[in-house]
């Protein structure tokens, strides 16, 4: 039953993102939404992050931990934990002509979290890991030089470095500094054998910040 709900909420995220589905498609209560989010995140334990040996779950837990070290802003911490949720929702690229990994991983992820009842600020901040990467690839020549061939390949799939116009637009983003900080957390969360709080420790935080109509 839970797997079915996860598929429903993922499909709803996709359909609502292309304005092809009525927003009353289904209703979940707060506990069910959190259960769905947790099941998606727990499933990330089965997926290798980049070239390994960390899993996707290891990565997001490290990212959230680094966020707590850098800030006591609860919405920022939640965004750090959930910044890769779009990837875990499912791959809709084949369904969306002309779409890219960037659209699937961030735009759809943000829509998904909005439908889960999280604030617009949290949803927007989750885009920071990608936007920060693309911005620094444009702005800082040393950033590109320090990327592995694998990271360069991923960056290209995510849209490559920002253009000058994109970078100027991003610099006017009201969350510009926070998104760069989230990117820093994302980039730093590749450590092996680091001890971090488990997923369960974030449940009360999510309960506090999910607001369903």
N, C-alpha and C. Protein backbone atom coordinates (compact mmCIF):
# COMPACT_ATOMS: atom_id res chain seq x y z
N UNK A 1 0.83 -1.20 0.00
CA UNK A 1 0.00 0.00 0.00
C UNK A 1 0.86 1.26 0.00
N UNK A 2 1.93 1.23 0.83
CA UNK A 2 2.80 2.40 0.89
C UNK A 2 3.50 2.64 -0.44
N UNK A 3 3.95 1.55 -1.07
CA UNK A 3 4.61 1.69 -2.36
C UNK A 3 3.66 2.32 -3.36
N UNK A 4 2.38 1.89 -3.33
CA UNK A 4 1.40 2.47 -4.23
C UNK A 4 1.26 3.98 -4.01
N UNK A 5 1.25 4.39 -2.73
CA UNK A 5 1.11 5.82 -2.43
C UNK A 5 2.33 6.59 -2.91
N UNK A 6 3.49 6.00 -2.77
CA UNK A 6 4.71 6.66 -3.26
C UNK A 6 4.62 6.86 -4.77
N UNK A 7 4.18 5.82 -5.47
CA UNK A 7 4.03 5.95 -6.92
C UNK A 7 2.99 7.01 -7.26
N UNK A 8 1.91 7.08 -6.47
CA UNK A 8 0.88 8.08 -6.72
C UNK A 8 1.42 9.49 -6.50
N UNK A 9 2.14 9.69 -5.41
CA UNK A 9 2.63 11.03 -5.11
C UNK A 9 3.70 11.44 -6.12
N UNK A 10 4.50 10.47 -6.58
CA UNK A 10 5.50 10.77 -7.61
C UNK A 10 4.83 11.12 -8.93
N UNK A 11 3.84 10.32 -9.30
CA UNK A 11 3.12 10.59 -10.55
C UNK A 11 2.39 11.92 -10.47
N UNK A 12 1.82 12.20 -9.33
CA UNK A 12 1.12 13.47 -9.15
C UNK A 12 2.08 14.65 -9.32
N UNK A 13 3.27 14.48 -8.77
CA UNK A 13 4.28 15.53 -8.93
C UNK A 13 4.57 15.78 -10.40
N UNK A 14 4.74 14.73 -11.17
CA UNK A 14 5.01 14.89 -12.60
C UNK A 14 3.84 15.57 -13.31
N UNK A 15 2.65 15.06 -13.11
CA UNK A 15 1.51 15.58 -13.83
C UNK A 15 1.22 17.02 -13.47
N UNK A 16 1.37 17.36 -12.18
CA UNK A 16 1.11 18.74 -11.79
C UNK A 16 2.17 19.67 -12.36
N UNK A 17 3.39 19.16 -12.55
CA UNK A 17 4.46 20.01 -13.07
C UNK A 17 4.23 20.39 -14.52
N UNK A 18 3.46 19.58 -15.26
CA UNK A 18 3.18 19.91 -16.65
C UNK A 18 1.73 20.38 -16.81
N UNK A 19 1.09 20.68 -15.68
CA UNK A 19 -0.27 21.23 -15.66
C UNK A 19 -1.25 20.32 -16.41
N UNK A 20 -1.04 19.01 -16.26
CA UNK A 20 -1.92 18.07 -16.96
C UNK A 20 -2.76 17.25 -15.98
N UNK A 21 -2.76 17.66 -14.70
CA UNK A 21 -3.48 16.88 -13.72
C UNK A 21 -4.16 17.80 -12.73
N UNK A 22 -5.39 17.52 -12.40
CA UNK A 22 -6.09 18.31 -11.39
C UNK A 22 -5.40 18.13 -10.04
N UNK A 23 -5.24 19.21 -9.29
CA UNK A 23 -4.50 19.14 -8.05
C UNK A 23 -5.25 18.42 -6.94
N UNK A 24 -6.47 18.02 -7.20
CA UNK A 24 -7.20 17.25 -6.23
C UNK A 24 -7.08 15.75 -6.47
N UNK A 25 -6.06 15.34 -7.17
CA UNK A 25 -5.87 13.95 -7.58
C UNK A 25 -5.91 12.97 -6.40
N UNK A 26 -5.33 13.34 -5.28
CA UNK A 26 -5.37 12.48 -4.12
C UNK A 26 -5.11 13.32 -2.88
N UNK A 27 -5.38 12.75 -1.74
CA UNK A 27 -5.14 13.45 -0.49
C UNK A 27 -4.42 12.51 0.47
N UNK A 28 -3.40 12.99 1.12
CA UNK A 28 -2.69 12.25 2.15
C UNK A 28 -2.64 13.10 3.41
N UNK A 29 -2.64 12.45 4.57
CA UNK A 29 -2.45 13.23 5.79
C UNK A 29 -0.96 13.38 6.08
N UNK A 30 -0.63 14.15 7.11
CA UNK A 30 0.77 14.47 7.38
C UNK A 30 1.60 13.21 7.64
N UNK A 31 1.08 12.28 8.43
CA UNK A 31 1.82 11.06 8.73
C UNK A 31 2.11 10.28 7.46
N UNK A 32 1.11 10.17 6.58
CA UNK A 32 1.30 9.44 5.33
C UNK A 32 2.33 10.11 4.42
N UNK A 33 2.32 11.44 4.39
CA UNK A 33 3.31 12.17 3.60
C UNK A 33 4.72 11.90 4.12
N UNK A 34 4.88 11.96 5.44
CA UNK A 34 6.19 11.69 6.04
C UNK A 34 6.62 10.25 5.78
N UNK A 35 5.67 9.31 5.89
CA UNK A 35 5.99 7.92 5.58
C UNK A 35 6.47 7.76 4.15
N UNK A 36 5.82 8.46 3.22
CA UNK A 36 6.24 8.41 1.81
C UNK A 36 7.63 8.98 1.62
N UNK A 37 7.88 10.13 2.23
CA UNK A 37 9.20 10.76 2.13
C UNK A 37 10.27 9.84 2.70
N UNK A 38 9.99 9.25 3.85
CA UNK A 38 10.97 8.37 4.49
C UNK A 38 11.21 7.11 3.66
N UNK A 39 10.16 6.58 3.05
CA UNK A 39 10.35 5.38 2.25
C UNK A 39 11.18 5.69 1.00
N UNK A 40 10.97 6.86 0.43
CA UNK A 40 11.82 7.27 -0.70
C UNK A 40 13.28 7.40 -0.26
N UNK A 41 13.50 8.05 0.88
CA UNK A 41 14.87 8.25 1.37
C UNK A 41 15.51 6.93 1.78
N UNK A 42 14.75 6.06 2.42
CA UNK A 42 15.30 4.75 2.80
C UNK A 42 15.67 3.94 1.57
N UNK A 43 14.89 4.10 0.50
CA UNK A 43 15.22 3.42 -0.74
C UNK A 43 16.53 3.90 -1.34
N UNK A 44 16.94 5.11 -0.95
CA UNK A 44 18.20 5.66 -1.45
C UNK A 44 19.40 4.89 -0.93
N UNK A 45 19.18 4.06 0.10
CA UNK A 45 20.27 3.24 0.63
C UNK A 45 20.69 2.17 -0.37
N UNK A 46 19.83 1.90 -1.34
CA UNK A 46 20.12 0.89 -2.35
C UNK A 46 20.77 1.49 -3.59
N UNK A 47 20.97 2.80 -3.61
CA UNK A 47 21.50 3.46 -4.80
C UNK A 47 22.87 4.07 -4.50
N UNK A 48 23.82 3.76 -5.35
CA UNK A 48 25.18 4.27 -5.17
C UNK A 48 25.22 5.76 -5.51
N UNK A 49 25.92 6.51 -4.70
CA UNK A 49 26.09 7.94 -4.96
C UNK A 49 27.34 8.16 -5.79
N UNK A 50 27.16 8.78 -6.96
CA UNK A 50 28.26 9.00 -7.90
C UNK A 50 28.98 7.68 -8.17
N UNK A 51 30.28 7.62 -7.89
CA UNK A 51 31.04 6.41 -8.20
C UNK A 51 31.22 5.51 -6.99
N UNK A 52 30.53 5.83 -5.87
CA UNK A 52 30.64 5.03 -4.67
C UNK A 52 31.85 5.42 -3.84
N UNK A 53 32.02 4.78 -2.65
CA UNK A 53 31.20 3.69 -2.09
C UNK A 53 29.97 4.18 -1.32
N UNK A 54 29.79 5.50 -1.19
CA UNK A 54 28.63 6.00 -0.46
C UNK A 54 27.34 5.71 -1.22
N UNK A 55 26.25 5.58 -0.46
CA UNK A 55 24.93 5.47 -1.08
C UNK A 55 24.30 6.86 -1.15
N UNK A 56 23.21 6.96 -1.88
CA UNK A 56 22.47 8.23 -1.94
C UNK A 56 21.99 8.64 -0.54
N UNK A 57 21.61 7.67 0.28
CA UNK A 57 21.17 7.98 1.64
C UNK A 57 22.34 8.51 2.48
N UNK A 58 23.50 7.87 2.38
CA UNK A 58 24.68 8.37 3.09
C UNK A 58 24.92 9.84 2.73
N UNK A 59 24.83 10.13 1.46
CA UNK A 59 25.12 11.47 0.97
C UNK A 59 24.16 12.51 1.55
N UNK A 60 22.85 12.25 1.48
CA UNK A 60 21.91 13.27 1.94
C UNK A 60 21.96 13.43 3.47
N UNK A 61 22.26 12.34 4.19
CA UNK A 61 22.40 12.45 5.65
C UNK A 61 23.65 13.26 6.01
N UNK A 62 24.72 13.07 5.26
CA UNK A 62 25.92 13.88 5.48
C UNK A 62 25.64 15.34 5.16
N UNK A 63 24.92 15.57 4.07
CA UNK A 63 24.61 16.93 3.66
C UNK A 63 23.79 17.64 4.74
N UNK A 64 22.80 16.95 5.28
CA UNK A 64 21.98 17.53 6.34
C UNK A 64 22.81 17.79 7.60
N UNK A 65 23.71 16.87 7.89
CA UNK A 65 24.58 17.05 9.06
C UNK A 65 25.48 18.28 8.90
N UNK A 66 26.07 18.43 7.73
CA UNK A 66 26.91 19.61 7.48
C UNK A 66 26.08 20.88 7.57
N UNK A 67 24.84 20.81 7.12
CA UNK A 67 23.95 21.97 7.22
C UNK A 67 23.73 22.37 8.68
N UNK A 68 23.58 21.38 9.56
CA UNK A 68 23.39 21.70 10.99
C UNK A 68 24.65 22.29 11.59
N UNK A 69 25.81 21.94 11.04
CA UNK A 69 27.07 22.49 11.52
C UNK A 69 27.25 23.94 11.08
N UNK A 70 26.63 24.30 9.96
CA UNK A 70 26.81 25.63 9.39
C UNK A 70 25.68 26.59 9.75
N UNK A 71 24.53 26.04 10.13
CA UNK A 71 23.36 26.89 10.35
C UNK A 71 22.38 26.21 11.31
N UNK A 72 21.62 27.02 12.02
CA UNK A 72 20.55 26.49 12.85
C UNK A 72 19.18 26.75 12.22
N UNK A 73 19.18 27.14 10.96
CA UNK A 73 17.96 27.41 10.21
C UNK A 73 17.31 26.08 9.83
N UNK A 74 16.15 25.79 10.40
CA UNK A 74 15.51 24.49 10.20
C UNK A 74 15.11 24.25 8.75
N UNK A 75 14.64 25.27 8.07
CA UNK A 75 14.25 25.10 6.67
C UNK A 75 15.47 24.80 5.80
N UNK A 76 16.59 25.42 6.11
CA UNK A 76 17.82 25.15 5.37
C UNK A 76 18.26 23.70 5.59
N UNK A 77 18.14 23.21 6.81
CA UNK A 77 18.52 21.83 7.13
C UNK A 77 17.63 20.84 6.39
N UNK A 78 16.32 21.10 6.37
CA UNK A 78 15.40 20.23 5.65
C UNK A 78 15.72 20.23 4.16
N UNK A 79 15.98 21.40 3.60
CA UNK A 79 16.32 21.48 2.17
C UNK A 79 17.59 20.68 1.87
N UNK A 80 18.54 20.71 2.78
CA UNK A 80 19.77 19.94 2.60
C UNK A 80 19.51 18.44 2.62
N UNK A 81 18.61 18.02 3.50
CA UNK A 81 18.26 16.60 3.58
C UNK A 81 17.53 16.14 2.31
N UNK A 82 16.70 17.01 1.74
CA UNK A 82 15.82 16.62 0.65
C UNK A 82 16.27 17.13 -0.72
N UNK A 83 17.49 17.61 -0.83
CA UNK A 83 17.89 18.27 -2.07
C UNK A 83 17.95 17.33 -3.27
N UNK A 84 18.03 16.03 -3.03
CA UNK A 84 18.07 15.07 -4.15
C UNK A 84 16.76 14.29 -4.29
N UNK A 85 15.69 14.77 -3.68
CA UNK A 85 14.45 14.01 -3.66
C UNK A 85 13.87 13.83 -5.05
N UNK A 86 14.09 14.76 -5.95
CA UNK A 86 13.58 14.62 -7.31
C UNK A 86 14.13 13.39 -8.01
N UNK A 87 15.41 13.12 -7.76
CA UNK A 87 16.04 11.92 -8.33
C UNK A 87 15.36 10.66 -7.82
N UNK A 88 14.95 10.68 -6.56
CA UNK A 88 14.35 9.51 -5.94
C UNK A 88 12.89 9.33 -6.30
N UNK A 89 12.25 10.40 -6.80
CA UNK A 89 10.84 10.31 -7.19
C UNK A 89 10.64 9.39 -8.38
N UNK A 90 11.63 9.27 -9.21
CA UNK A 90 11.52 8.45 -10.42
C UNK A 90 11.96 9.25 -11.63
N UNK A 91 12.37 8.55 -12.64
CA UNK A 91 12.90 9.17 -13.86
C UNK A 91 11.77 9.41 -14.85
N UNK A 92 11.42 10.70 -15.05
CA UNK A 92 10.34 11.04 -15.98
C UNK A 92 10.89 11.60 -17.29
N UNK A 93 12.19 11.49 -17.50
CA UNK A 93 12.77 12.10 -18.70
C UNK A 93 12.16 11.55 -19.98
N UNK A 94 11.92 10.24 -19.98
CA UNK A 94 11.37 9.63 -21.19
C UNK A 94 9.97 10.15 -21.49
N UNK A 95 9.28 10.64 -20.44
CA UNK A 95 7.92 11.14 -20.61
C UNK A 95 7.90 12.62 -21.02
N UNK A 96 9.05 13.29 -20.94
CA UNK A 96 9.07 14.73 -21.13
C UNK A 96 10.04 15.08 -22.26
N UNK A 97 9.55 15.22 -23.48
CA UNK A 97 10.43 15.54 -24.62
C UNK A 97 11.26 16.78 -24.35
N UNK A 98 12.57 16.67 -24.60
CA UNK A 98 13.45 17.81 -24.42
C UNK A 98 13.86 18.06 -22.99
N UNK A 99 13.42 17.21 -22.06
CA UNK A 99 13.77 17.42 -20.66
C UNK A 99 15.21 17.00 -20.41
N UNK A 100 15.75 17.46 -19.29
CA UNK A 100 17.10 17.12 -18.91
C UNK A 100 17.11 16.59 -17.51
N UNK A 101 18.26 16.05 -17.09
CA UNK A 101 18.40 15.59 -15.71
C UNK A 101 18.16 16.73 -14.75
N UNK A 102 18.53 17.94 -15.14
CA UNK A 102 18.30 19.12 -14.30
C UNK A 102 16.82 19.28 -13.99
N UNK A 103 15.96 19.14 -15.01
CA UNK A 103 14.52 19.29 -14.80
C UNK A 103 14.00 18.21 -13.87
N UNK A 104 14.39 16.97 -14.13
CA UNK A 104 13.92 15.86 -13.33
C UNK A 104 14.37 15.99 -11.89
N UNK A 105 15.62 16.32 -11.69
CA UNK A 105 16.21 16.26 -10.35
C UNK A 105 15.87 17.45 -9.48
N UNK A 106 15.63 18.60 -10.04
CA UNK A 106 15.40 19.79 -9.22
C UNK A 106 14.01 20.39 -9.38
N UNK A 107 13.60 20.66 -10.60
CA UNK A 107 12.30 21.29 -10.80
C UNK A 107 11.17 20.35 -10.35
N UNK A 108 11.24 19.10 -10.77
CA UNK A 108 10.22 18.15 -10.36
C UNK A 108 10.33 17.87 -8.87
N UNK A 109 11.55 17.82 -8.35
CA UNK A 109 11.73 17.62 -6.91
C UNK A 109 11.10 18.74 -6.10
N UNK A 110 11.27 19.97 -6.54
CA UNK A 110 10.70 21.11 -5.84
C UNK A 110 9.17 21.07 -5.88
N UNK A 111 8.62 20.68 -7.03
CA UNK A 111 7.17 20.56 -7.15
C UNK A 111 6.65 19.46 -6.23
N UNK A 112 7.35 18.35 -6.21
CA UNK A 112 7.00 17.23 -5.33
C UNK A 112 6.94 17.68 -3.87
N UNK A 113 7.95 18.39 -3.41
CA UNK A 113 8.00 18.82 -2.01
C UNK A 113 6.93 19.85 -1.71
N UNK A 114 6.62 20.70 -2.67
CA UNK A 114 5.53 21.64 -2.49
C UNK A 114 4.21 20.90 -2.28
N UNK A 115 3.98 19.86 -3.09
CA UNK A 115 2.77 19.06 -2.95
C UNK A 115 2.76 18.27 -1.65
N UNK A 116 3.92 18.07 -1.06
CA UNK A 116 4.01 17.39 0.24
C UNK A 116 3.74 18.35 1.39
N UNK A 117 3.58 19.64 1.12
CA UNK A 117 3.23 20.59 2.16
C UNK A 117 4.39 21.36 2.75
N UNK A 118 5.56 21.29 2.09
CA UNK A 118 6.72 22.05 2.57
C UNK A 118 6.70 23.45 1.98
N UNK A 119 7.36 24.37 2.67
CA UNK A 119 7.28 25.79 2.30
C UNK A 119 7.93 26.07 0.95
N UNK A 120 7.53 27.17 0.35
CA UNK A 120 8.11 27.60 -0.92
C UNK A 120 9.61 27.83 -0.77
N UNK A 121 10.02 28.32 0.39
CA UNK A 121 11.46 28.57 0.62
C UNK A 121 12.25 27.27 0.63
N UNK A 122 11.75 26.25 1.32
CA UNK A 122 12.43 24.95 1.32
C UNK A 122 12.53 24.41 -0.09
N UNK A 123 11.42 24.46 -0.82
CA UNK A 123 11.40 23.93 -2.18
C UNK A 123 12.40 24.65 -3.08
N UNK A 124 12.49 25.95 -2.93
CA UNK A 124 13.42 26.74 -3.74
C UNK A 124 14.86 26.46 -3.34
N UNK A 125 15.12 26.30 -2.06
CA UNK A 125 16.48 26.05 -1.60
C UNK A 125 17.02 24.71 -2.10
N UNK A 126 16.14 23.73 -2.29
CA UNK A 126 16.62 22.43 -2.76
C UNK A 126 17.30 22.52 -4.12
N UNK A 127 17.00 23.57 -4.87
CA UNK A 127 17.63 23.76 -6.18
C UNK A 127 19.06 24.28 -6.06
N UNK A 128 19.45 24.67 -4.83
CA UNK A 128 20.72 25.34 -4.64
C UNK A 128 21.94 24.51 -4.96
N UNK A 129 21.87 23.19 -4.72
CA UNK A 129 23.05 22.37 -4.98
C UNK A 129 23.43 22.39 -6.45
N UNK A 130 22.43 22.35 -7.31
CA UNK A 130 22.69 22.40 -8.76
C UNK A 130 23.01 23.82 -9.22
N UNK A 131 22.21 24.78 -8.79
CA UNK A 131 22.45 26.16 -9.22
C UNK A 131 23.82 26.65 -8.76
N UNK A 132 24.19 26.29 -7.53
CA UNK A 132 25.50 26.69 -7.02
C UNK A 132 26.63 26.08 -7.83
N UNK A 133 26.48 24.81 -8.20
CA UNK A 133 27.50 24.14 -9.00
C UNK A 133 27.65 24.81 -10.36
N UNK A 134 26.54 25.08 -11.02
CA UNK A 134 26.59 25.67 -12.35
C UNK A 134 27.13 27.11 -12.28
N UNK A 135 26.78 27.81 -11.22
CA UNK A 135 27.26 29.18 -11.05
C UNK A 135 28.78 29.20 -10.84
N UNK A 136 29.28 28.37 -9.95
CA UNK A 136 30.72 28.34 -9.68
C UNK A 136 31.50 27.85 -10.89
N UNK A 137 30.90 26.95 -11.68
CA UNK A 137 31.57 26.48 -12.90
C UNK A 137 31.75 27.64 -13.87
N UNK A 138 30.83 28.59 -13.85
CA UNK A 138 30.96 29.79 -14.69
C UNK A 138 31.92 30.81 -14.06
N UNK A 139 31.81 31.00 -12.75
CA UNK A 139 32.47 32.12 -12.07
C UNK A 139 33.91 31.83 -11.68
N UNK A 140 34.19 30.58 -11.32
CA UNK A 140 35.49 30.24 -10.73
C UNK A 140 36.21 29.22 -11.61
N UNK A 141 37.25 29.62 -12.33
CA UNK A 141 37.96 28.69 -13.21
C UNK A 141 38.61 27.53 -12.46
N UNK A 142 38.96 27.75 -11.19
CA UNK A 142 39.58 26.69 -10.41
C UNK A 142 38.56 25.61 -10.03
N UNK A 143 37.30 26.00 -9.96
CA UNK A 143 36.25 25.03 -9.64
C UNK A 143 36.19 23.94 -10.71
N UNK A 144 36.18 24.35 -11.97
CA UNK A 144 36.14 23.39 -13.07
C UNK A 144 37.37 22.50 -13.06
N UNK A 145 38.53 23.09 -12.82
CA UNK A 145 39.78 22.33 -12.86
C UNK A 145 39.83 21.25 -11.80
N UNK A 146 39.13 21.46 -10.70
CA UNK A 146 39.16 20.50 -9.60
C UNK A 146 38.10 19.41 -9.70
N UNK A 147 37.27 19.47 -10.74
CA UNK A 147 36.25 18.45 -10.92
C UNK A 147 36.84 17.22 -11.61
N UNK A 148 36.40 16.04 -11.17
CA UNK A 148 36.83 14.81 -11.83
C UNK A 148 36.13 14.69 -13.18
N UNK A 149 36.62 13.77 -14.00
CA UNK A 149 35.98 13.57 -15.31
C UNK A 149 34.53 13.13 -15.13
N UNK A 150 34.26 12.36 -14.08
CA UNK A 150 32.88 11.94 -13.81
C UNK A 150 32.02 13.15 -13.46
N UNK A 151 32.53 14.02 -12.58
CA UNK A 151 31.78 15.21 -12.19
C UNK A 151 31.55 16.14 -13.37
N UNK A 152 32.54 16.24 -14.25
CA UNK A 152 32.38 17.06 -15.44
C UNK A 152 31.27 16.52 -16.35
N UNK A 153 31.21 15.20 -16.45
CA UNK A 153 30.16 14.57 -17.26
C UNK A 153 28.78 14.85 -16.66
N UNK A 154 28.69 14.75 -15.33
CA UNK A 154 27.42 15.02 -14.65
C UNK A 154 27.04 16.49 -14.83
N UNK A 155 28.01 17.39 -14.68
CA UNK A 155 27.74 18.81 -14.85
C UNK A 155 27.18 19.10 -16.23
N UNK A 156 27.73 18.46 -17.24
CA UNK A 156 27.27 18.67 -18.61
C UNK A 156 25.81 18.21 -18.75
N UNK A 157 25.47 17.09 -18.12
CA UNK A 157 24.09 16.60 -18.17
C UNK A 157 23.14 17.54 -17.44
N UNK A 158 23.67 18.29 -16.48
CA UNK A 158 22.85 19.20 -15.68
C UNK A 158 22.80 20.61 -16.26
N UNK A 159 23.28 20.77 -17.47
CA UNK A 159 23.17 22.06 -18.13
C UNK A 159 24.47 22.79 -18.33
N UNK A 160 25.59 22.26 -17.76
CA UNK A 160 26.89 22.90 -17.91
C UNK A 160 26.99 24.18 -17.11
N UNK A 161 28.11 24.90 -17.23
CA UNK A 161 28.26 26.18 -16.52
C UNK A 161 27.16 27.16 -16.92
N UNK A 162 26.79 28.03 -16.00
CA UNK A 162 25.82 29.07 -16.33
C UNK A 162 26.37 29.99 -17.40
N UNK A 163 25.49 30.58 -18.15
CA UNK A 163 25.88 31.66 -19.04
C UNK A 163 26.02 32.93 -18.20
N UNK A 164 26.59 33.97 -18.79
CA UNK A 164 26.70 35.24 -18.07
C UNK A 164 25.32 35.74 -17.65
N UNK A 165 24.36 35.63 -18.54
CA UNK A 165 23.01 36.09 -18.23
C UNK A 165 22.40 35.29 -17.08
N UNK A 166 22.57 33.97 -17.13
CA UNK A 166 22.06 33.12 -16.06
C UNK A 166 22.71 33.45 -14.73
N UNK A 167 24.02 33.69 -14.75
CA UNK A 167 24.75 33.99 -13.52
C UNK A 167 24.27 35.31 -12.92
N UNK A 168 24.07 36.30 -13.74
CA UNK A 168 23.59 37.60 -13.25
C UNK A 168 22.19 37.47 -12.65
N UNK A 169 21.37 36.66 -13.29
CA UNK A 169 20.02 36.42 -12.77
C UNK A 169 20.10 35.70 -11.43
N UNK A 170 20.97 34.70 -11.33
CA UNK A 170 21.13 33.94 -10.09
C UNK A 170 21.63 34.83 -8.97
N UNK A 171 22.51 35.76 -9.26
CA UNK A 171 23.05 36.66 -8.24
C UNK A 171 21.97 37.57 -7.63
N UNK A 172 20.88 37.73 -8.36
CA UNK A 172 19.75 38.52 -7.84
C UNK A 172 18.73 37.66 -7.10
N UNK A 173 18.97 36.37 -7.07
CA UNK A 173 18.07 35.44 -6.37
C UNK A 173 18.08 35.80 -4.88
N UNK A 174 16.90 35.96 -4.25
CA UNK A 174 16.86 36.30 -2.83
C UNK A 174 17.52 35.25 -1.93
N UNK A 175 17.67 34.02 -2.45
CA UNK A 175 18.31 32.95 -1.68
C UNK A 175 19.72 32.64 -2.19
N UNK A 176 20.31 33.57 -2.90
CA UNK A 176 21.61 33.35 -3.53
C UNK A 176 22.65 32.81 -2.55
N UNK A 177 22.86 33.50 -1.43
CA UNK A 177 23.90 33.09 -0.48
C UNK A 177 23.57 31.73 0.14
N UNK A 178 22.30 31.52 0.46
CA UNK A 178 21.91 30.25 1.07
C UNK A 178 22.08 29.09 0.09
N UNK A 179 21.79 29.34 -1.18
CA UNK A 179 21.94 28.28 -2.17
C UNK A 179 23.41 27.92 -2.38
N UNK A 180 24.27 28.92 -2.33
CA UNK A 180 25.71 28.63 -2.41
C UNK A 180 26.16 27.84 -1.20
N UNK A 181 25.60 28.15 -0.04
CA UNK A 181 25.95 27.42 1.17
C UNK A 181 25.45 25.97 1.09
N UNK A 182 24.26 25.78 0.54
CA UNK A 182 23.74 24.42 0.37
C UNK A 182 24.62 23.64 -0.60
N UNK A 183 25.06 24.32 -1.65
CA UNK A 183 25.99 23.66 -2.58
C UNK A 183 27.27 23.25 -1.86
N UNK A 184 27.75 24.10 -0.95
CA UNK A 184 28.96 23.77 -0.19
C UNK A 184 28.72 22.51 0.66
N UNK A 185 27.55 22.42 1.28
CA UNK A 185 27.20 21.22 2.05
C UNK A 185 27.16 20.00 1.14
N UNK A 186 26.57 20.15 -0.02
CA UNK A 186 26.46 19.07 -0.99
C UNK A 186 27.84 18.58 -1.42
N UNK A 187 28.71 19.52 -1.74
CA UNK A 187 30.05 19.15 -2.20
C UNK A 187 30.89 18.52 -1.10
N UNK A 188 30.60 18.90 0.15
CA UNK A 188 31.39 18.38 1.26
C UNK A 188 30.91 17.05 1.79
N UNK A 189 29.78 16.57 1.30
CA UNK A 189 29.19 15.36 1.87
C UNK A 189 29.54 14.12 1.07
N UNK A 190 30.86 13.88 0.99
CA UNK A 190 31.38 12.72 0.27
C UNK A 190 32.29 11.89 1.18
N UNK A 191 32.24 12.16 2.47
CA UNK A 191 33.19 11.52 3.37
C UNK A 191 32.77 10.10 3.71
N UNK A 192 33.76 9.25 3.85
CA UNK A 192 33.52 7.84 4.16
C UNK A 192 33.70 7.62 5.67
N UNK A 193 32.82 6.81 6.24
CA UNK A 193 32.90 6.41 7.66
C UNK A 193 32.67 7.56 8.63
N UNK A 194 32.06 8.63 8.19
CA UNK A 194 31.71 9.71 9.11
C UNK A 194 30.42 9.31 9.83
N UNK A 195 30.34 9.59 11.13
CA UNK A 195 29.15 9.26 11.91
C UNK A 195 28.22 10.47 11.92
N UNK A 196 27.01 10.27 11.43
CA UNK A 196 26.03 11.36 11.35
C UNK A 196 24.70 10.87 11.92
N UNK A 197 23.82 11.79 12.32
CA UNK A 197 22.49 11.39 12.80
C UNK A 197 21.74 10.58 11.74
N UNK A 198 20.94 9.63 12.20
CA UNK A 198 20.19 8.80 11.26
C UNK A 198 18.95 9.52 10.75
N UNK A 199 18.28 8.89 9.80
CA UNK A 199 17.13 9.50 9.16
C UNK A 199 16.01 9.78 10.16
N UNK A 200 15.81 8.86 11.08
CA UNK A 200 14.73 8.99 12.06
C UNK A 200 14.84 10.29 12.87
N UNK A 201 16.06 10.76 13.06
CA UNK A 201 16.28 11.96 13.89
C UNK A 201 15.69 13.22 13.25
N UNK A 202 15.33 13.15 11.96
CA UNK A 202 14.77 14.32 11.27
C UNK A 202 13.24 14.28 11.20
N UNK A 203 12.64 13.22 11.74
CA UNK A 203 11.18 13.07 11.60
C UNK A 203 10.43 14.22 12.27
N UNK A 204 10.79 14.57 13.49
CA UNK A 204 10.07 15.63 14.21
C UNK A 204 10.22 16.97 13.50
N UNK A 205 11.38 17.18 12.88
CA UNK A 205 11.62 18.42 12.14
C UNK A 205 10.69 18.50 10.93
N UNK A 206 10.55 17.39 10.21
CA UNK A 206 9.64 17.36 9.07
C UNK A 206 8.20 17.54 9.51
N UNK A 207 7.83 16.90 10.60
CA UNK A 207 6.46 17.04 11.12
C UNK A 207 6.13 18.51 11.41
N UNK A 208 7.12 19.22 11.92
CA UNK A 208 6.93 20.63 12.27
C UNK A 208 6.73 21.50 11.03
N UNK A 209 7.35 21.13 9.92
CA UNK A 209 7.39 22.02 8.75
C UNK A 209 6.49 21.57 7.60
N UNK A 210 5.77 20.49 7.75
CA UNK A 210 4.81 20.08 6.72
C UNK A 210 3.45 20.65 7.07
N UNK A 211 2.90 21.42 6.15
CA UNK A 211 1.60 22.08 6.37
C UNK A 211 0.69 21.74 5.20
N UNK A 212 -0.29 20.87 5.44
CA UNK A 212 -1.21 20.46 4.41
C UNK A 212 -2.50 21.28 4.50
N UNK A 213 -3.05 21.62 3.36
CA UNK A 213 -4.28 22.39 3.34
C UNK A 213 -5.47 21.53 3.73
